[in-house]
Amino acid sequence: MTEPESRQHLDWIARWQRVARRIRVPLGFVTAGLYLFELARRAPRPAAVAWSLALVLPGLWLRGYAAGYVKKNRELTMSGPYAYTRNPLYLGSMLTAAGFAVALLSWPMALMLAAGFAAIYVPVIASEERFLSATFPGFDAYCRRVPRLIPRLTSASQTDDQAGSGAFSLALYLGHREYNAGMGAALLYLSLLFLRPVFSVLVHALR
């Protein structure tokens, strides 16, 4: 890539990041509103809610597992889940969000979540990769071995000078407060179970 092309690429990332920051909060409110609308429109099916766990639980596990390895801005993490995918935290978030779309059996919700992830995470990942490439000399070699999002089937091999620090750290997990994701998921499942009856009572009361 020539220098002018590289500069244009970086400018494109910066512009998209600015747009993403501006729309993140409004997009969150729109998504929450659509979630409530879909929940009020039809009751969740128990089978769909049960099947959603097949995506939500692995997503939460992957996020928690990754949080116990990553040392943001201090070290290029290449061990644990980072030996399979460069962005296990974002992949875990996507699995979790897809699970809740399944729980509602809602195509509008699925499309909204997909659009939101594309609008927010694409510039974030591009920005982070630019930072990591400039900060850690081994990042480009790591990119050649490990895919950006869809994980490899086997762990990527590491040379001695590329090996990141070892095992899962509970202190890191707690420091990143990753348990909040589990608490948020639990609240969403509670809303699936109990918010719909509340809506029904309010609708009957207003008639």
Protein backbone atom coordinates (compact mmCIF):
# COMPACT_ATOMS: atom_id res chain seq x y z
CA MET A 1 0.00 0.00 0.00
CA THR A 2 1.49 3.39 -1.03
CA GLU A 3 1.76 6.27 1.44
CA PRO A 4 -1.19 8.27 -0.01
CA GLU A 5 -3.33 5.13 -0.06
CA SER A 6 -2.31 4.34 3.51
CA ARG A 7 -3.22 7.87 4.59
CA GLN A 8 -6.62 7.60 2.89
CA HIS A 9 -7.21 4.25 4.63
CA LEU A 10 -6.43 5.77 8.03
CA ASP A 11 -8.65 8.78 7.30
CA TRP A 12 -11.48 6.40 6.37
CA ILE A 13 -11.08 4.62 9.71
CA ALA A 14 -11.01 7.90 11.63
CA ARG A 15 -14.15 9.20 9.89
CA TRP A 16 -16.05 5.99 10.53
CA GLN A 17 -14.95 6.02 14.16
CA ARG A 18 -16.36 9.53 14.61
CA VAL A 19 -19.68 8.45 13.09
CA ALA A 20 -19.73 5.29 15.23
CA ARG A 21 -19.19 7.29 18.42
CA ARG A 22 -22.09 9.58 17.53
CA ILE A 23 -24.57 6.86 16.70
CA ARG A 24 -23.61 4.36 19.43
CA VAL A 25 -25.97 5.71 22.11
CA PRO A 26 -28.93 6.45 19.76
CA LEU A 27 -28.49 3.02 18.19
CA GLY A 28 -28.60 1.46 21.64
CA PHE A 29 -31.89 3.20 22.41
CA VAL A 30 -33.37 2.14 19.05
CA THR A 31 -32.30 -1.46 19.67
CA ALA A 32 -33.78 -1.43 23.18
CA GLY A 33 -37.01 0.05 21.83
CA LEU A 34 -37.23 -2.61 19.12
CA TYR A 35 -36.56 -5.31 21.72
CA LEU A 36 -39.43 -4.04 23.89
CA PHE A 37 -41.72 -3.71 20.85
CA GLU A 38 -41.01 -7.28 19.74
CA LEU A 39 -41.47 -8.53 23.29
CA ALA A 40 -44.83 -6.74 23.59
CA ARG A 41 -45.95 -7.93 20.15
CA ARG A 42 -45.68 -11.64 20.89
CA ALA A 43 -44.78 -13.88 23.77
CA PRO A 44 -41.39 -15.61 23.60
CA ARG A 45 -41.62 -19.31 22.87
CA PRO A 46 -40.06 -21.51 25.58
CA ALA A 47 -38.33 -23.67 22.95
CA ALA A 48 -36.76 -20.62 21.31
CA VAL A 49 -35.58 -19.27 24.66
CA ALA A 50 -34.04 -22.67 25.47
CA TRP A 51 -32.31 -22.87 22.07
CA SER A 52 -30.95 -19.35 22.53
CA LEU A 53 -28.80 -20.64 25.38
CA ALA A 54 -26.78 -22.60 22.80
CA LEU A 55 -25.47 -19.23 21.58
CA VAL A 56 -25.65 -17.07 24.70
CA LEU A 57 -23.76 -19.37 27.06
CA PRO A 58 -20.81 -19.99 24.67
CA GLY A 59 -20.74 -16.25 23.97
CA LEU A 60 -20.55 -15.37 27.66
CA TRP A 61 -17.98 -18.11 28.27
CA LEU A 62 -15.80 -16.86 25.40
CA ARG A 63 -15.91 -13.28 26.65
CA GLY A 64 -15.06 -14.36 30.19
CA TYR A 65 -12.27 -16.66 28.98
CA ALA A 66 -10.76 -13.88 26.85
CA ALA A 67 -11.01 -11.34 29.67
CA GLY A 68 -8.76 -13.57 31.78
CA TYR A 69 -5.96 -13.31 29.21
CA VAL A 70 -6.01 -9.88 27.63
CA LYS A 71 -3.75 -7.12 28.95
CA LYS A 72 -4.99 -4.13 27.03
CA ASN A 73 -2.33 -1.77 25.69
CA ARG A 74 0.38 -3.56 27.72
CA GLU A 75 0.96 -6.81 25.91
CA LEU A 76 0.10 -8.48 22.62
CA THR A 77 -2.08 -11.34 23.83
CA MET A 78 -1.67 -14.43 21.65
CA SER A 79 -2.50 -17.26 24.07
CA GLY A 80 -5.77 -18.78 25.25
CA PRO A 81 -8.66 -17.87 22.92
CA TYR A 82 -6.38 -15.36 21.17
CA ALA A 83 -4.56 -18.30 19.59
CA TYR A 84 -7.79 -19.05 17.67
CA THR A 85 -9.22 -15.62 16.87
CA ARG A 86 -7.84 -12.09 17.23
CA ASN A 87 -11.14 -10.76 18.61
CA PRO A 88 -12.69 -13.32 20.99
CA LEU A 89 -14.39 -10.61 23.06
CA TYR A 90 -16.27 -9.25 20.06
CA LEU A 91 -17.05 -12.75 18.78
CA GLY A 92 -18.50 -13.59 22.20
CA SER A 93 -20.65 -10.45 22.09
CA MET A 94 -21.95 -11.38 18.66
CA LEU A 95 -22.85 -14.89 19.77
CA THR A 96 -24.67 -13.53 22.81
CA ALA A 97 -26.61 -10.97 20.76
CA ALA A 98 -27.52 -13.60 18.17
CA GLY A 99 -28.81 -15.79 20.99
CA PHE A 100 -31.24 -13.14 22.17
CA ALA A 101 -32.45 -12.61 18.60
CA VAL A 102 -33.16 -16.35 18.49
CA ALA A 103 -34.98 -16.13 21.84
CA LEU A 104 -37.37 -13.56 20.34
CA LEU A 105 -37.60 -15.31 16.93
CA SER A 106 -37.33 -11.82 15.50
CA TRP A 107 -35.83 -11.08 12.09
CA PRO A 108 -36.08 -7.29 12.64
CA MET A 109 -34.12 -7.70 15.86
CA ALA A 110 -31.51 -9.87 14.15
CA LEU A 111 -31.08 -7.33 11.33
CA MET A 112 -30.86 -4.44 13.81
CA LEU A 113 -28.18 -6.23 15.82
CA ALA A 114 -26.22 -7.13 12.69
CA ALA A 115 -26.33 -3.52 11.47
CA GLY A 116 -25.33 -2.25 14.90
CA PHE A 117 -22.36 -4.59 15.15
CA ALA A 118 -21.22 -3.65 11.64
CA ALA A 119 -21.53 0.07 12.36
CA ILE A 120 -19.78 -0.05 15.73
CA TYR A 121 -17.34 -2.95 15.71
CA VAL A 122 -15.87 -2.61 12.20
CA PRO A 123 -14.25 0.79 12.92
CA VAL A 124 -13.33 -0.26 16.46
CA ILE A 125 -11.52 -3.39 15.24
CA ALA A 126 -9.80 -1.41 12.46
CA SER A 127 -8.64 1.22 14.96
CA GLU A 128 -7.40 -1.36 17.44
CA GLU A 129 -5.48 -3.22 14.74
CA ARG A 130 -3.84 0.01 13.64
CA PHE A 131 -2.74 0.68 17.24
CA LEU A 132 -1.48 -2.88 17.79
CA SER A 133 0.44 -2.89 14.51
CA ALA A 134 2.18 0.36 15.47
CA THR A 135 2.83 -0.72 19.07
CA PHE A 136 3.82 -4.41 18.89
CA PRO A 137 6.35 -5.60 16.28
CA GLY A 138 4.94 -9.13 16.29
CA PHE A 139 1.38 -8.15 15.46
CA ASP A 140 1.64 -8.49 11.68
CA ALA A 141 3.08 -12.01 11.99
CA TYR A 142 0.31 -12.84 14.47
CA CYS A 143 -2.30 -11.63 11.94
CA ARG A 144 -0.90 -14.00 9.33
CA ARG A 145 -1.49 -16.97 11.64
CA VAL A 146 -4.74 -16.06 13.41
CA PRO A 147 -7.97 -14.88 11.69
CA ARG A 148 -9.64 -11.61 12.61
CA LEU A 149 -12.96 -13.05 13.81
CA ILE A 150 -13.99 -16.55 12.64
CA PRO A 151 -11.76 -18.82 14.77
CA ARG A 152 -9.32 -21.41 13.54
CA LEU A 153 -10.00 -25.02 14.38
CA THR A 154 -6.61 -25.51 16.04
CA SER A 155 -4.46 -23.28 18.21
CA ALA A 156 -1.92 -21.20 16.29
CA SER A 157 1.68 -22.13 17.01
CA GLN A 158 3.93 -19.52 18.58
CA THR A 159 7.66 -19.03 18.49
CA ASP A 160 9.52 -18.39 21.73
CA ASP A 161 9.79 -14.66 21.08
CA GLN A 162 6.10 -14.40 20.21
CA ALA A 163 4.62 -16.35 23.12
CA GLY A 164 2.34 -14.29 25.29
CA SER A 165 1.94 -14.77 29.00
CA GLY A 166 0.41 -18.07 29.98
CA ALA A 167 -2.69 -19.07 31.84
CA PHE A 168 -6.11 -17.66 32.59
CA SER A 169 -5.99 -14.99 35.33
CA LEU A 170 -8.97 -14.54 37.62
CA ALA A 171 -7.55 -11.17 38.65
CA LEU A 172 -7.66 -9.98 35.04
CA TYR A 173 -11.20 -11.31 34.64
CA LEU A 174 -12.35 -9.43 37.72
CA GLY A 175 -10.38 -6.34 36.76
CA HIS A 176 -12.17 -6.17 33.42
CA ARG A 177 -15.51 -6.65 35.26
CA GLU A 178 -16.55 -9.20 32.71
CA TYR A 179 -19.09 -10.62 35.18
CA ASN A 180 -21.26 -7.64 34.19
CA ALA A 181 -21.96 -9.37 30.87
CA GLY A 182 -23.37 -12.38 32.71
CA MET A 183 -25.48 -10.15 34.92
CA GLY A 184 -26.81 -8.30 31.88
CA ALA A 185 -27.71 -11.56 30.16
CA ALA A 186 -29.50 -12.78 33.28
CA LEU A 187 -31.56 -9.57 33.38
CA LEU A 188 -32.50 -9.99 29.71
CA TYR A 189 -33.67 -13.54 30.35
CA LEU A 190 -35.69 -12.33 33.33
CA SER A 191 -37.29 -9.72 31.07
CA LEU A 192 -38.17 -12.47 28.59
CA LEU A 193 -39.89 -14.38 31.37
CA PHE A 194 -41.62 -11.61 33.30
CA LEU A 195 -41.82 -8.40 31.25
CA ARG A 196 -44.35 -9.79 28.77
CA PRO A 197 -46.93 -10.50 31.53
CA VAL A 198 -46.41 -6.95 32.81
CA PHE A 199 -47.11 -5.60 29.32
CA SER A 200 -50.30 -7.67 29.15
CA VAL A 201 -51.54 -6.30 32.48
CA LEU A 202 -50.83 -2.71 31.41
CA VAL A 203 -52.60 -3.16 28.06
CA HIS A 204 -55.71 -4.60 29.74
CA ALA A 205 -55.64 -1.84 32.35
CA LEU A 206 -55.59 0.87 29.66
CA ARG A 207 -58.54 -0.60 27.74
